[in-house]
PDB file of N, CA and C in Angstrom:
ATOM      1  N   MET A   1      31.098  34.620 157.538  1.00  0.00           N
ATOM      2  CA  MET A   1      32.344  35.092 156.976  1.00  0.00           C
ATOM      3  C   MET A   1      33.466  34.152 157.447  1.00  0.00           C
ATOM      4  N   SER A   2      34.288  33.714 156.510  1.00  0.00           N
ATOM      5  CA  SER A   2      35.386  32.817 156.866  1.00  0.00           C
ATOM      6  C   SER A   2      36.444  33.559 157.669  1.00  0.00           C
ATOM      7  N   GLU A   3      37.280  32.808 158.342  1.00  0.00           N
ATOM      8  CA  GLU A   3      38.363  33.406 159.134  1.00  0.00           C
ATOM      9  C   GLU A   3      39.301  34.216 158.240  1.00  0.00           C
ATOM     10  N   ASP A   4      39.635  33.673 157.059  1.00  0.00           N
ATOM     11  CA  ASP A   4      40.506  34.406 156.136  1.00  0.00           C
ATOM     12  C   ASP A   4      39.874  35.715 155.696  1.00  0.00           C
ATOM     13  N   ALA A   5      38.598  35.684 155.357  1.00  0.00           N
ATOM     14  CA  ALA A   5      37.905  36.907 154.930  1.00  0.00           C
ATOM     15  C   ALA A   5      37.875  37.929 156.055  1.00  0.00           C
ATOM     16  N   ARG A   6      37.666  37.473 157.267  1.00  0.00           N
ATOM     17  CA  ARG A   6      37.631  38.385 158.418  1.00  0.00           C
ATOM     18  C   ARG A   6      38.999  39.030 158.633  1.00  0.00           C
ATOM     19  N   LEU A   7      40.065  38.239 158.509  1.00  0.00           N
ATOM     20  CA  LEU A   7      41.411  38.785 158.666  1.00  0.00           C
ATOM     21  C   LEU A   7      41.740  39.805 157.588  1.00  0.00           C
ATOM     22  N   TRP A   8      41.372  39.500 156.335  1.00  0.00           N
ATOM     23  CA  TRP A   8      41.616  40.452 155.244  1.00  0.00           C
ATOM     24  C   TRP A   8      40.849  41.740 155.471  1.00  0.00           C
ATOM     25  N   ALA A   9      39.624  41.651 155.972  1.00  0.00           N
ATOM     26  CA  ALA A   9      38.832  42.851 156.240  1.00  0.00           C
ATOM     27  C   ALA A   9      39.522  43.713 157.296  1.00  0.00           C
ATOM     28  N   LEU A  10      40.102  43.082 158.309  1.00  0.00           N
ATOM     29  CA  LEU A  10      40.825  43.834 159.344  1.00  0.00           C
ATOM     30  C   LEU A  10      42.077  44.498 158.775  1.00  0.00           C
ATOM     31  N   ILE A  11      42.813  43.772 157.958  1.00  0.00           N
ATOM     32  CA  ILE A  11      44.056  44.304 157.378  1.00  0.00           C
ATOM     33  C   ILE A  11      43.768  45.457 156.435  1.00  0.00           C
ATOM     34  N   GLU A  12      42.747  45.316 155.619  1.00  0.00           N
ATOM     35  CA  GLU A  12      42.463  46.315 154.597  1.00  0.00           C
ATOM     36  C   GLU A  12      41.633  47.486 155.109  1.00  0.00           C
ATOM     37  N   GLY A  13      41.127  47.389 156.332  1.00  0.00           N
ATOM     38  CA  GLY A  13      40.334  48.474 156.892  1.00  0.00           C
ATOM     39  C   GLY A  13      41.156  49.747 157.024  1.00  0.00           C
ATOM     40  N   GLN A  14      40.510  50.875 156.841  1.00  0.00           N
ATOM     41  CA  GLN A  14      41.209  52.157 156.889  1.00  0.00           C
ATOM     42  C   GLN A  14      40.917  52.902 158.187  1.00  0.00           C
ATOM     43  N   GLY A  15      40.940  52.202 159.281  1.00  0.00           N
ATOM     44  CA  GLY A  15      40.678  52.821 160.569  1.00  0.00           C
ATOM     45  C   GLY A  15      41.799  53.754 160.996  1.00  0.00           C
ATOM     46  N   GLU A  16      41.554  54.457 162.070  1.00  0.00           N
ATOM     47  CA  GLU A  16      42.538  55.377 162.615  1.00  0.00           C
ATOM     48  C   GLU A  16      43.710  54.595 163.205  1.00  0.00           C
ATOM     49  N   ARG A  17      44.915  55.070 162.983  1.00  0.00           N
ATOM     50  CA  ARG A  17      46.114  54.396 163.500  1.00  0.00           C
ATOM     51  C   ARG A  17      46.319  54.764 164.964  1.00  0.00           C
ATOM     52  N   GLU A  18      46.817  53.780 165.702  1.00  0.00           N
ATOM     53  CA  GLU A  18      47.115  53.960 167.120  1.00  0.00           C
ATOM     54  C   GLU A  18      48.542  53.498 167.387  1.00  0.00           C
ATOM     55  N   PRO A  19      49.349  54.266 168.112  1.00  0.00           N
ATOM     56  CA  PRO A  19      50.698  53.825 168.467  1.00  0.00           C
ATOM     57  C   PRO A  19      50.634  52.909 169.693  1.00  0.00           C
ATOM     58  N   LEU A  20      50.513  51.608 169.466  1.00  0.00           N
ATOM     59  CA  LEU A  20      50.256  50.682 170.560  1.00  0.00           C
ATOM     60  C   LEU A  20      51.426  49.797 170.952  1.00  0.00           C
ATOM     61  N   ILE A  21      52.457  49.728 170.112  1.00  0.00           N
ATOM     62  CA  ILE A  21      53.552  48.801 170.407  1.00  0.00           C
ATOM     63  C   ILE A  21      54.899  49.494 170.221  1.00  0.00           C
ATOM     64  N   THR A  22      55.909  48.930 170.848  1.00  0.00           N
ATOM     65  CA  THR A  22      57.256  49.467 170.698  1.00  0.00           C
ATOM     66  C   THR A  22      57.855  48.988 169.369  1.00  0.00           C
ATOM     67  N   ARG A  23      58.948  49.608 168.972  1.00  0.00           N
ATOM     68  CA  ARG A  23      59.628  49.214 167.744  1.00  0.00           C
ATOM     69  C   ARG A  23      60.101  47.761 167.838  1.00  0.00           C
ATOM     70  N   GLY A  24      60.634  47.359 168.978  1.00  0.00           N
ATOM     71  CA  GLY A  24      61.095  45.983 169.173  1.00  0.00           C
ATOM     72  C   GLY A  24      59.956  44.979 169.081  1.00  0.00           C
ATOM     73  N   GLU A  25      58.815  45.327 169.677  1.00  0.00           N
ATOM     74  CA  GLU A  25      57.642  44.448 169.583  1.00  0.00           C
ATOM     75  C   GLU A  25      57.184  44.316 168.132  1.00  0.00           C
ATOM     76  N   ALA A  26      57.212  45.407 167.399  1.00  0.00           N
ATOM     77  CA  ALA A  26      56.805  45.362 165.988  1.00  0.00           C
ATOM     78  C   ALA A  26      57.747  44.470 165.184  1.00  0.00           C
ATOM     79  N   GLN A  27      59.047  44.574 165.446  1.00  0.00           N
ATOM     80  CA  GLN A  27      60.013  43.736 164.734  1.00  0.00           C
ATOM     81  C   GLN A  27      59.776  42.262 165.044  1.00  0.00           C
ATOM     82  N   ALA A  28      59.480  41.945 166.299  1.00  0.00           N
ATOM     83  CA  ALA A  28      59.198  40.558 166.677  1.00  0.00           C
ATOM     84  C   ALA A  28      57.924  40.061 166.004  1.00  0.00           C
ATOM     85  N   ILE A  29      56.914  40.903 165.947  1.00  0.00           N
ATOM     86  CA  ILE A  29      55.656  40.531 165.299  1.00  0.00           C
ATOM     87  C   ILE A  29      55.887  40.234 163.826  1.00  0.00           C
ATOM     88  N   VAL A  30      56.665  41.064 163.155  1.00  0.00           N
ATOM     89  CA  VAL A  30      56.961  40.841 161.733  1.00  0.00           C
ATOM     90  C   VAL A  30      57.612  39.466 161.550  1.00  0.00           C
ATOM     91  N   GLN A  31      58.581  39.128 162.398  1.00  0.00           N
ATOM     92  CA  GLN A  31      59.251  37.825 162.280  1.00  0.00           C
ATOM     93  C   GLN A  31      58.271  36.676 162.515  1.00  0.00           C
ATOM     94  N   LEU A  32      57.422  36.807 163.510  1.00  0.00           N
ATOM     95  CA  LEU A  32      56.436  35.755 163.792  1.00  0.00           C
ATOM     96  C   LEU A  32      55.426  35.609 162.654  1.00  0.00           C
ATOM     97  N   LEU A  33      54.979  36.715 162.103  1.00  0.00           N
ATOM     98  CA  LEU A  33      54.024  36.654 160.992  1.00  0.00           C
ATOM     99  C   LEU A  33      54.642  35.977 159.783  1.00  0.00           C
ATOM    100  N   ARG A  34      55.896  36.253 159.517  1.00  0.00           N
ATOM    101  CA  ARG A  34      56.563  35.633 158.360  1.00  0.00           C
ATOM    102  C   ARG A  34      56.669  34.120 158.526  1.00  0.00           C
ATOM    103  N   ARG A  35      56.788  33.653 159.755  1.00  0.00           N
ATOM    104  CA  ARG A  35      56.830  32.199 160.009  1.00  0.00           C
ATOM    105  C   ARG A  35      55.463  31.563 159.838  1.00  0.00           C
ATOM    106  N   GLU A  36      54.409  32.312 160.102  1.00  0.00           N
ATOM    107  CA  GLU A  36      53.047  31.771 160.089  1.00  0.00           C
ATOM    108  C   GLU A  36      52.667  31.271 158.701  1.00  0.00           C
ATOM    109  N   GLY A  37      52.982  32.019 157.657  1.00  0.00           N
ATOM    110  CA  GLY A  37      52.862  31.516 156.304  1.00  0.00           C
ATOM    111  C   GLY A  37      51.571  31.764 155.550  1.00  0.00           C
ATOM    112  N   SER A  38      50.530  32.277 156.165  1.00  0.00           N
ATOM    113  CA  SER A  38      49.314  32.533 155.400  1.00  0.00           C
ATOM    114  C   SER A  38      49.479  33.815 154.582  1.00  0.00           C
ATOM    115  N   ASP A  39      48.673  33.965 153.547  1.00  0.00           N
ATOM    116  CA  ASP A  39      48.734  35.170 152.726  1.00  0.00           C
ATOM    117  C   ASP A  39      48.452  36.418 153.553  1.00  0.00           C
ATOM    118  N   ALA A  40      47.482  36.343 154.453  1.00  0.00           N
ATOM    119  CA  ALA A  40      47.130  37.498 155.285  1.00  0.00           C
ATOM    120  C   ALA A  40      48.295  37.861 156.206  1.00  0.00           C
ATOM    121  N   ALA A  41      48.950  36.863 156.796  1.00  0.00           N
ATOM    122  CA  ALA A  41      50.095  37.123 157.670  1.00  0.00           C
ATOM    123  C   ALA A  41      51.244  37.735 156.881  1.00  0.00           C
ATOM    124  N   ASP A  42      51.494  37.230 155.677  1.00  0.00           N
ATOM    125  CA  ASP A  42      52.554  37.777 154.831  1.00  0.00           C
ATOM    126  C   ASP A  42      52.281  39.238 154.487  1.00  0.00           C
ATOM    127  N   GLU A  43      51.058  39.550 154.117  1.00  0.00           N
ATOM    128  CA  GLU A  43      50.698  40.926 153.764  1.00  0.00           C
ATOM    129  C   GLU A  43      50.855  41.849 154.966  1.00  0.00           C
ATOM    130  N   LEU A  44      50.401  41.420 156.125  1.00  0.00           N
ATOM    131  CA  LEU A  44      50.518  42.235 157.328  1.00  0.00           C
ATOM    132  C   LEU A  44      51.987  42.436 157.701  1.00  0.00           C
ATOM    133  N   ALA A  45      52.799  41.401 157.562  1.00  0.00           N
ATOM    134  CA  ALA A  45      54.234  41.525 157.834  1.00  0.00           C
ATOM    135  C   ALA A  45      54.873  42.551 156.916  1.00  0.00           C
ATOM    136  N   VAL A  46      54.528  42.529 155.643  1.00  0.00           N
ATOM    137  CA  VAL A  46      55.074  43.496 154.680  1.00  0.00           C
ATOM    138  C   VAL A  46      54.672  44.916 155.069  1.00  0.00           C
ATOM    139  N   ARG A  47      53.406  45.102 155.433  1.00  0.00           N
ATOM    140  CA  ARG A  47      52.938  46.438 155.808  1.00  0.00           C
ATOM    141  C   ARG A  47      53.630  46.947 157.062  1.00  0.00           C
ATOM    142  N   LEU A  48      53.776  46.098 158.063  1.00  0.00           N
ATOM    143  CA  LEU A  48      54.432  46.517 159.302  1.00  0.00           C
ATOM    144  C   LEU A  48      55.924  46.784 159.068  1.00  0.00           C
ATOM    145  N   ALA A  49      56.580  45.899 158.341  1.00  0.00           N
ATOM    146  CA  ALA A  49      58.005  46.061 158.078  1.00  0.00           C
ATOM    147  C   ALA A  49      58.278  47.347 157.312  1.00  0.00           C
ATOM    148  N   GLY A  50      57.377  47.710 156.419  1.00  0.00           N
ATOM    149  CA  GLY A  50      57.544  48.947 155.654  1.00  0.00           C
ATOM    150  C   GLY A  50      57.448  50.202 156.495  1.00  0.00           C
ATOM    151  N   ARG A  51      56.866  50.101 157.660  1.00  0.00           N
ATOM    152  CA  ARG A  51      56.742  51.264 158.545  1.00  0.00           C
ATOM    153  C   ARG A  51      57.887  51.351 159.556  1.00  0.00           C
ATOM    154  N   LEU A  52      58.668  50.290 159.671  1.00  0.00           N
ATOM    155  CA  LEU A  52      59.777  50.286 160.613  1.00  0.00           C
ATOM    156  C   LEU A  52      60.993  50.953 159.980  1.00  0.00           C
ATOM    157  N   PRO A  53      61.822  51.619 160.796  1.00  0.00           N
ATOM    158  CA  PRO A  53      63.060  52.194 160.233  1.00  0.00           C
ATOM    159  C   PRO A  53      63.990  51.070 159.781  1.00  0.00           C
ATOM    160  N   ALA A  54      64.851  51.405 158.848  1.00  0.00           N
ATOM    161  CA  ALA A  54      65.807  50.413 158.330  1.00  0.00           C
ATOM    162  C   ALA A  54      66.686  49.902 159.469  1.00  0.00           C
ATOM    163  N   ALA A  55      67.020  48.628 159.407  1.00  0.00           N
ATOM    164  CA  ALA A  55      67.886  48.021 160.426  1.00  0.00           C
ATOM    165  C   ALA A  55      69.268  48.659 160.354  1.00  0.00           C
ATOM    166  N   GLU A  56      69.854  48.857 161.510  1.00  0.00           N
ATOM    167  CA  GLU A  56      71.187  49.483 161.569  1.00  0.00           C
ATOM    168  C   GLU A  56      72.276  48.468 161.500  1.00  0.00           C
TER     169      GLU A  56
END
């Protein structure tokens, strides 16, 4: 399985959610993923950003 296929499988998996990071850490992760530029990183950034509260 290619690295891209493995990443997509992780992103699309419907596993149980765990509260593992703070809101600030999630915001930083979204920014870093957007810089990375791969399709998988972009999709994950969109999903994470959609779960964060709107910026004040």
